[in-house]
């Protein structure tokens, strides 16, 4: 399965933009052919004009070609915003609504405060992942991806009950949840640990990722529903195991750049990478950390910690407890 943030997908052919020279040649050919239909002599004069780079008319055609390319790129971006893999913001909200999903609220805001405190919403990557997992929600939580979807979308599925209060009458009741902590779930995984035994591990967005008891209780209640958990599975919901790690490095830069600016960017890059890999079965690669430090401006790196790359085991997530970077000039 393609997983946002972990896989890469090439742009579709529909959004390709022809090279400038190709579009310019086409523009000239179409112009000449169009004029030739009504005035062959004028078309020949236009052909001669367009062969000269110094002619004003040639420059106008080149500008028009640039405008066509710009418009094509704008339309292409609009096309990509209709595709879940690239959609962002409200465009992604509209796309995931096709599957009955909506962006989760991680932290409630306070509109009565001064200034008002906006609510913190689920980011695009998390929402996009749940969109691709959503087809597995139409069944009970049997496949691993279905377990992951259910754990990341707790209680969003209404409880359905059917009753026959009298002969010839069937009443179907949908009970929607009044509140849910699903927005607190950053990642989840469900795996069989023994025949008929399934462990679902949750990773929280808060702190080092250890979920609260309230969140674990909500997940346990969700997987106890007879319309969610298969009758053949005995599900145990636990917190993900956290593996702490630190980044400590000395980076060398050429004279010229401000060491304080490089230091700030290096911290930012490593923190972003650490946050991206703060997921169950995440990877901390020394080579990736080196790339992040080089992108900040380092020309040479001495990476002391982690001493070796880290591959988190089942139900385990790596968490960065500290970043220490010293910047020296060569």
Protein backbone atom coordinates (compact mmCIF):
# COMPACT_ATOMS: atom_id res chain seq x y z
CA UNK A 1 0.00 0.00 0.00
CA UNK A 2 1.18 3.53 -0.76
CA UNK A 3 1.64 5.34 2.55
CA UNK A 4 1.83 9.16 2.58
CA UNK A 5 5.11 10.37 4.04
CA UNK A 6 6.85 7.07 3.34
CA UNK A 7 6.31 6.52 -0.38
CA UNK A 8 6.78 8.82 -3.35
CA UNK A 9 4.45 9.01 -6.31
CA UNK A 10 5.39 10.58 -9.64
CA UNK A 11 3.20 13.35 -11.00
CA UNK A 12 0.57 12.04 -13.43
CA UNK A 13 1.11 12.66 -17.13
CA UNK A 14 -1.90 14.99 -17.22
CA UNK A 15 0.06 17.70 -15.36
CA UNK A 16 3.11 17.71 -17.61
CA UNK A 17 4.15 21.06 -19.06
CA UNK A 18 5.82 20.99 -22.52
CA UNK A 19 9.23 22.71 -22.79
CA UNK A 20 9.21 26.39 -23.71
CA UNK A 21 10.86 25.80 -27.08
CA UNK A 22 8.26 23.17 -28.01
CA UNK A 23 5.34 25.41 -27.02
CA UNK A 24 6.89 28.38 -28.84
CA UNK A 25 7.35 26.37 -32.04
CA UNK A 26 3.74 25.19 -31.82
CA UNK A 27 2.51 28.74 -31.20
CA UNK A 28 4.38 30.03 -34.27
CA UNK A 29 3.19 27.17 -36.48
CA UNK A 30 -0.45 27.60 -35.44
CA UNK A 31 -0.26 31.38 -35.97
CA UNK A 32 1.19 31.00 -39.46
CA UNK A 33 -1.28 28.25 -40.43
CA UNK A 34 -4.27 30.27 -39.18
CA UNK A 35 -3.30 33.39 -41.10
CA UNK A 36 -2.50 31.34 -44.26
CA UNK A 37 -6.13 30.21 -44.47
CA UNK A 38 -7.25 33.75 -45.30
CA UNK A 39 -4.08 35.51 -46.47
CA UNK A 40 -1.18 33.33 -47.68
CA UNK A 41 0.99 36.33 -48.51
CA UNK A 42 0.61 37.79 -45.02
CA UNK A 43 1.40 34.42 -43.47
CA UNK A 44 4.73 34.35 -45.30
CA UNK A 45 5.56 37.81 -43.99
CA UNK A 46 4.69 36.63 -40.47
CA UNK A 47 6.89 33.56 -40.95
CA UNK A 48 9.83 35.77 -41.91
CA UNK A 49 9.16 38.06 -38.95
CA UNK A 50 9.05 35.19 -36.45
CA UNK A 51 12.42 33.94 -37.69
CA UNK A 52 14.01 37.13 -36.37
CA UNK A 53 14.58 37.23 -32.59
CA UNK A 54 14.85 41.02 -32.62
CA UNK A 55 11.36 41.65 -34.01
CA UNK A 56 8.79 43.08 -31.58
CA UNK A 57 6.15 40.63 -32.82
CA UNK A 58 8.48 37.71 -32.07
CA UNK A 59 8.95 39.00 -28.52
CA UNK A 60 5.18 39.26 -28.08
CA UNK A 61 4.77 35.64 -29.18
CA UNK A 62 7.47 34.56 -26.71
CA UNK A 63 5.74 36.46 -23.90
CA UNK A 64 2.43 34.85 -24.85
CA UNK A 65 4.11 31.43 -24.69
CA UNK A 66 5.42 32.17 -21.20
CA UNK A 67 1.89 33.18 -20.16
CA UNK A 68 0.55 29.93 -21.59
CA UNK A 69 3.10 27.94 -19.61
CA UNK A 70 2.22 29.85 -16.44
CA UNK A 71 -1.48 29.23 -16.99
CA UNK A 72 -0.81 25.55 -17.69
CA UNK A 73 1.11 25.21 -14.42
CA UNK A 74 -1.71 26.95 -12.54
CA UNK A 75 -4.28 24.58 -14.04
CA UNK A 76 -2.04 21.62 -13.25
CA UNK A 77 -1.88 22.63 -9.60
CA UNK A 78 -5.66 22.84 -9.56
CA UNK A 79 -5.86 19.34 -11.06
CA UNK A 80 -3.48 17.95 -8.42
CA UNK A 81 -5.61 19.47 -5.67
CA UNK A 82 -8.41 17.16 -6.82
CA UNK A 83 -6.23 14.11 -6.09
CA UNK A 84 -5.90 12.93 -2.50
CA UNK A 85 -2.15 12.31 -2.79
CA UNK A 86 -1.45 16.01 -3.41
CA UNK A 87 -4.52 17.83 -2.06
CA UNK A 88 -3.97 20.22 0.85
CA UNK A 89 -6.05 22.18 3.32
CA UNK A 90 -9.71 22.62 2.46
CA UNK A 91 -9.19 20.79 -0.84
CA UNK A 92 -8.12 17.70 1.10
CA UNK A 93 -11.09 18.17 3.45
CA UNK A 94 -13.41 18.06 0.46
CA UNK A 95 -11.67 15.00 -1.00
CA UNK A 96 -11.76 12.88 2.16
CA UNK A 97 -15.43 13.79 2.65
CA UNK A 98 -16.12 11.41 -0.25
CA UNK A 99 -15.41 8.59 2.23
CA UNK A 100 -17.23 10.21 5.13
CA UNK A 101 -14.08 11.48 6.86
CA UNK A 102 -13.44 14.85 8.43
CA UNK A 103 -10.38 16.49 9.95
CA UNK A 104 -9.98 15.66 13.63
CA UNK A 105 -9.60 18.25 16.38
CA UNK A 106 -6.44 17.62 18.41
CA UNK A 107 -6.85 20.47 20.89
CA UNK A 108 -10.00 22.50 21.41
CA UNK A 109 -9.61 26.25 20.98
CA UNK A 110 -11.05 29.06 23.08
CA UNK A 111 -12.93 31.60 20.96
CA UNK A 112 -13.85 33.61 24.07
CA UNK A 113 -10.19 34.26 24.98
CA UNK A 114 -8.42 37.51 24.04
CA UNK A 115 -6.96 37.08 21.58
CA UNK A 116 -9.05 34.04 20.52
CA UNK A 117 -7.21 30.72 20.66
CA UNK A 118 -7.82 28.67 17.49
CA UNK A 119 -8.33 24.93 17.69
CA UNK A 120 -5.42 22.70 16.68
CA UNK A 121 -6.52 20.46 13.82
CA UNK A 122 -5.14 17.24 12.39
CA UNK A 123 -2.42 17.92 9.82
CA UNK A 124 -2.70 17.04 6.14
CA UNK A 125 -0.38 14.02 6.28
CA UNK A 126 -2.34 12.33 9.05
CA UNK A 127 -5.68 13.04 7.37
CA UNK A 128 -4.32 11.81 4.03
CA UNK A 129 -3.16 8.55 5.64
CA UNK A 130 -6.59 7.94 7.15
CA UNK A 131 -8.11 8.58 3.73
CA UNK A 132 -6.06 5.76 2.20
CA UNK A 133 -6.86 3.49 5.14
CA UNK A 134 -10.59 4.30 5.00
CA UNK A 135 -11.58 1.53 2.53
CA UNK A 136 -10.59 -0.97 5.22
CA UNK A 137 -13.17 0.56 7.59
CA UNK A 138 -16.04 -0.95 5.63
CA UNK A 139 -15.20 -4.31 7.20
CA UNK A 140 -14.55 -5.27 10.79
CA UNK A 141 -11.03 -4.80 12.12
CA UNK A 142 -9.58 -7.97 10.64
CA UNK A 143 -6.75 -6.89 8.31
CA UNK A 144 -3.82 -5.00 9.83
CA UNK A 145 -4.71 -1.84 7.92
CA UNK A 146 -8.28 -2.06 9.19
CA UNK A 147 -7.00 -2.23 12.76
CA UNK A 148 -4.84 0.83 12.05
CA UNK A 149 -7.76 2.79 10.60
CA UNK A 150 -10.09 1.94 13.48
CA UNK A 151 -7.46 2.88 16.06
CA UNK A 152 -6.85 6.25 14.38
CA UNK A 153 -10.58 7.00 13.96
CA UNK A 154 -12.02 5.92 17.29
CA UNK A 155 -15.78 6.19 17.80
CA UNK A 156 -16.34 7.99 14.50
CA UNK A 157 -18.31 4.98 13.34
CA UNK A 158 -21.87 5.09 14.73
CA UNK A 159 -23.25 2.20 16.74
CA UNK A 160 -26.12 0.58 14.88
CA UNK A 161 -28.87 -1.38 16.57
CA UNK A 162 -31.90 -3.09 15.01
CA UNK A 163 -35.12 -3.76 16.89
CA UNK A 164 -38.58 -5.08 16.03
CA UNK A 165 -40.92 -3.41 18.55
CA UNK A 166 -43.96 -4.91 16.86
CA UNK A 167 -44.81 -7.23 14.03
CA UNK A 168 -44.00 -5.77 10.64
CA UNK A 169 -41.94 -2.92 12.09
CA UNK A 170 -38.13 -2.79 12.03
CA UNK A 171 -36.34 0.11 13.76
CA UNK A 172 -32.72 0.86 12.93
CA UNK A 173 -30.99 3.23 15.38
CA UNK A 174 -27.71 5.06 14.73
CA UNK A 175 -26.02 6.33 17.89
CA UNK A 176 -23.34 8.89 17.13
CA UNK A 177 -20.61 9.60 19.72
CA UNK A 178 -20.81 12.88 21.61
CA UNK A 179 -17.04 13.20 21.84
CA UNK A 180 -13.89 11.28 20.99
CA UNK A 181 -10.18 11.35 21.75
CA UNK A 182 -9.28 9.96 18.32
CA UNK A 183 -7.44 13.18 17.45
CA UNK A 184 -4.90 12.30 20.14
CA UNK A 185 -3.78 9.18 18.23
CA UNK A 186 -0.69 9.87 16.14
CA UNK A 187 -0.12 6.30 14.96
CA UNK A 188 -1.38 2.80 15.64
CA UNK A 189 -0.70 -0.76 14.61
CA UNK A 190 -2.55 -4.03 15.11
CA UNK A 191 -0.74 -7.37 14.78
CA UNK A 192 -1.43 -10.96 15.63
CA UNK A 193 0.79 -12.12 18.48
CA UNK A 194 -0.63 -15.65 18.65
CA UNK A 195 -3.51 -17.54 17.03
CA UNK A 196 -6.63 -15.56 17.88
CA UNK A 197 -4.61 -12.95 19.80
CA UNK A 198 -4.19 -9.40 18.43
CA UNK A 199 -2.30 -6.55 20.06
CA UNK A 200 -3.22 -3.00 19.10
CA UNK A 201 -0.58 -0.46 20.11
CA UNK A 202 -1.34 3.27 20.20
CA UNK A 203 1.06 6.18 19.88
CA UNK A 204 -0.15 9.52 21.20
CA UNK A 205 0.57 12.98 19.83
CA UNK A 206 1.40 14.19 23.33
CA UNK A 207 4.78 13.99 25.07
CA UNK A 208 6.90 11.00 24.12
CA UNK A 209 3.89 9.29 22.56
CA UNK A 210 2.66 7.35 25.59
CA UNK A 211 -1.16 7.50 25.45
CA UNK A 212 -3.21 8.46 28.48
CA UNK A 213 -5.38 5.94 30.27
CA UNK A 214 -8.46 7.79 29.00
CA UNK A 215 -7.31 7.31 25.42
CA UNK A 216 -6.51 3.64 26.01
CA UNK A 217 -9.91 3.11 27.64
CA UNK A 218 -11.68 4.68 24.65
CA UNK A 219 -9.75 2.43 22.28
CA UNK A 220 -10.56 -0.64 24.36
CA UNK A 221 -14.24 0.26 24.33
CA UNK A 222 -14.10 0.76 20.57
CA UNK A 223 -12.53 -2.63 19.89
CA UNK A 224 -14.97 -4.30 22.26
CA UNK A 225 -17.85 -3.45 19.93
CA UNK A 226 -19.31 -6.46 18.13
CA UNK A 227 -19.42 -4.51 14.85
CA UNK A 228 -15.70 -3.66 15.01
CA UNK A 229 -13.78 -6.62 16.40
CA UNK A 230 -13.98 -10.02 14.67
CA UNK A 231 -15.41 -12.77 16.85
CA UNK A 232 -12.25 -14.79 16.18
CA UNK A 233 -9.90 -12.14 17.63
CA UNK A 234 -9.10 -11.43 21.26
CA UNK A 235 -7.88 -7.83 21.11
CA UNK A 236 -5.57 -6.26 23.66
CA UNK A 237 -5.04 -2.49 23.46
CA UNK A 238 -1.77 -1.18 24.89
CA UNK A 239 0.53 1.80 24.67
CA UNK A 240 3.32 1.69 22.14
CA UNK A 241 6.76 0.97 23.59
CA UNK A 242 8.97 4.08 23.45
CA UNK A 243 12.67 3.92 22.60
CA UNK A 244 14.45 7.15 23.52
CA UNK A 245 17.34 8.47 21.48
CA UNK A 246 19.39 11.66 21.28
CA UNK A 247 21.15 13.55 18.54
CA UNK A 248 24.56 14.99 19.36
CA UNK A 249 26.81 16.28 16.63
CA UNK A 250 29.57 18.71 15.76
CA UNK A 251 29.19 20.32 12.36
CA UNK A 252 31.76 22.38 10.49
CA UNK A 253 30.90 25.22 8.13
CA UNK A 254 32.91 27.45 5.84
CA UNK A 255 33.66 30.98 6.93
CA UNK A 256 30.98 33.40 5.86
CA UNK A 257 27.64 31.97 6.98
CA UNK A 258 26.39 33.04 10.41
CA UNK A 259 26.97 30.08 12.78
CA UNK A 260 23.86 31.02 14.78
CA UNK A 261 21.68 30.80 11.68
CA UNK A 262 23.19 27.44 10.69
CA UNK A 263 22.73 26.15 14.24
CA UNK A 264 19.07 27.17 14.27
CA UNK A 265 18.42 25.54 10.90
CA UNK A 266 20.24 22.34 11.90
CA UNK A 267 18.11 22.03 15.04
CA UNK A 268 14.98 22.63 12.98
CA UNK A 269 15.91 20.03 10.36
CA UNK A 270 16.76 17.32 12.91
CA UNK A 271 13.60 18.02 14.90
CA UNK A 272 11.47 17.73 11.77
CA UNK A 273 13.08 14.41 10.89
CA UNK A 274 12.65 13.16 14.47
CA UNK A 275 8.96 14.13 14.41
CA UNK A 276 8.43 12.37 11.08
CA UNK A 277 10.00 9.16 12.40
CA UNK A 278 8.14 9.33 15.71
CA UNK A 279 5.82 6.54 14.67
CA UNK A 280 5.47 2.86 15.36
CA UNK A 281 8.23 0.87 13.64
CA UNK A 282 9.97 4.11 12.68
CA UNK A 283 13.59 4.33 11.52
CA UNK A 284 16.36 6.65 12.69
CA UNK A 285 19.08 6.51 10.06
CA UNK A 286 22.45 8.15 10.69
CA UNK A 287 22.73 8.85 6.98
CA UNK A 288 19.39 10.70 7.04
CA UNK A 289 20.53 12.78 10.02
CA UNK A 290 23.70 13.60 8.10
CA UNK A 291 21.63 14.76 5.15
CA UNK A 292 19.55 17.03 7.38
CA UNK A 293 22.71 18.57 8.84
CA UNK A 294 24.28 19.04 5.40
CA UNK A 295 21.09 20.71 4.20
CA UNK A 296 21.47 23.18 7.07
CA UNK A 297 24.88 24.23 5.72
CA UNK A 298 27.39 21.77 7.19
CA UNK A 299 30.36 20.81 5.03
CA UNK A 300 31.71 18.23 7.51
CA UNK A 301 29.93 16.32 10.26
CA UNK A 302 30.96 14.43 13.39
CA UNK A 303 27.82 12.57 14.50
CA UNK A 304 28.36 11.21 18.01
CA UNK A 305 24.78 10.15 18.79
CA UNK A 306 23.03 8.04 17.86
CA UNK A 307 26.05 5.75 17.68
CA UNK A 308 24.23 3.54 15.19
CA UNK A 309 21.04 3.57 13.18
CA UNK A 310 17.86 2.60 14.98
CA UNK A 311 15.09 0.42 13.56
CA UNK A 312 12.16 0.28 15.96
CA UNK A 313 10.77 -3.21 16.58
CA UNK A 314 7.11 -4.24 16.56
CA UNK A 315 4.89 -1.96 18.67
CA UNK A 316 7.88 0.33 19.30
CA UNK A 317 8.36 3.99 18.39
CA UNK A 318 11.57 6.08 18.55
CA UNK A 319 11.39 9.38 20.45
CA UNK A 320 14.06 12.09 20.42
CA UNK A 321 14.76 13.34 23.95
CA UNK A 322 17.37 15.93 23.06
CA UNK A 323 19.29 17.62 20.24
CA UNK A 324 22.79 18.99 20.86
CA UNK A 325 24.60 20.52 17.92
CA UNK A 326 27.82 22.49 18.00
CA UNK A 327 28.76 24.62 15.01
CA UNK A 328 32.43 25.32 14.25
CA UNK A 329 34.01 27.24 11.39
CA UNK A 330 36.77 25.67 9.29
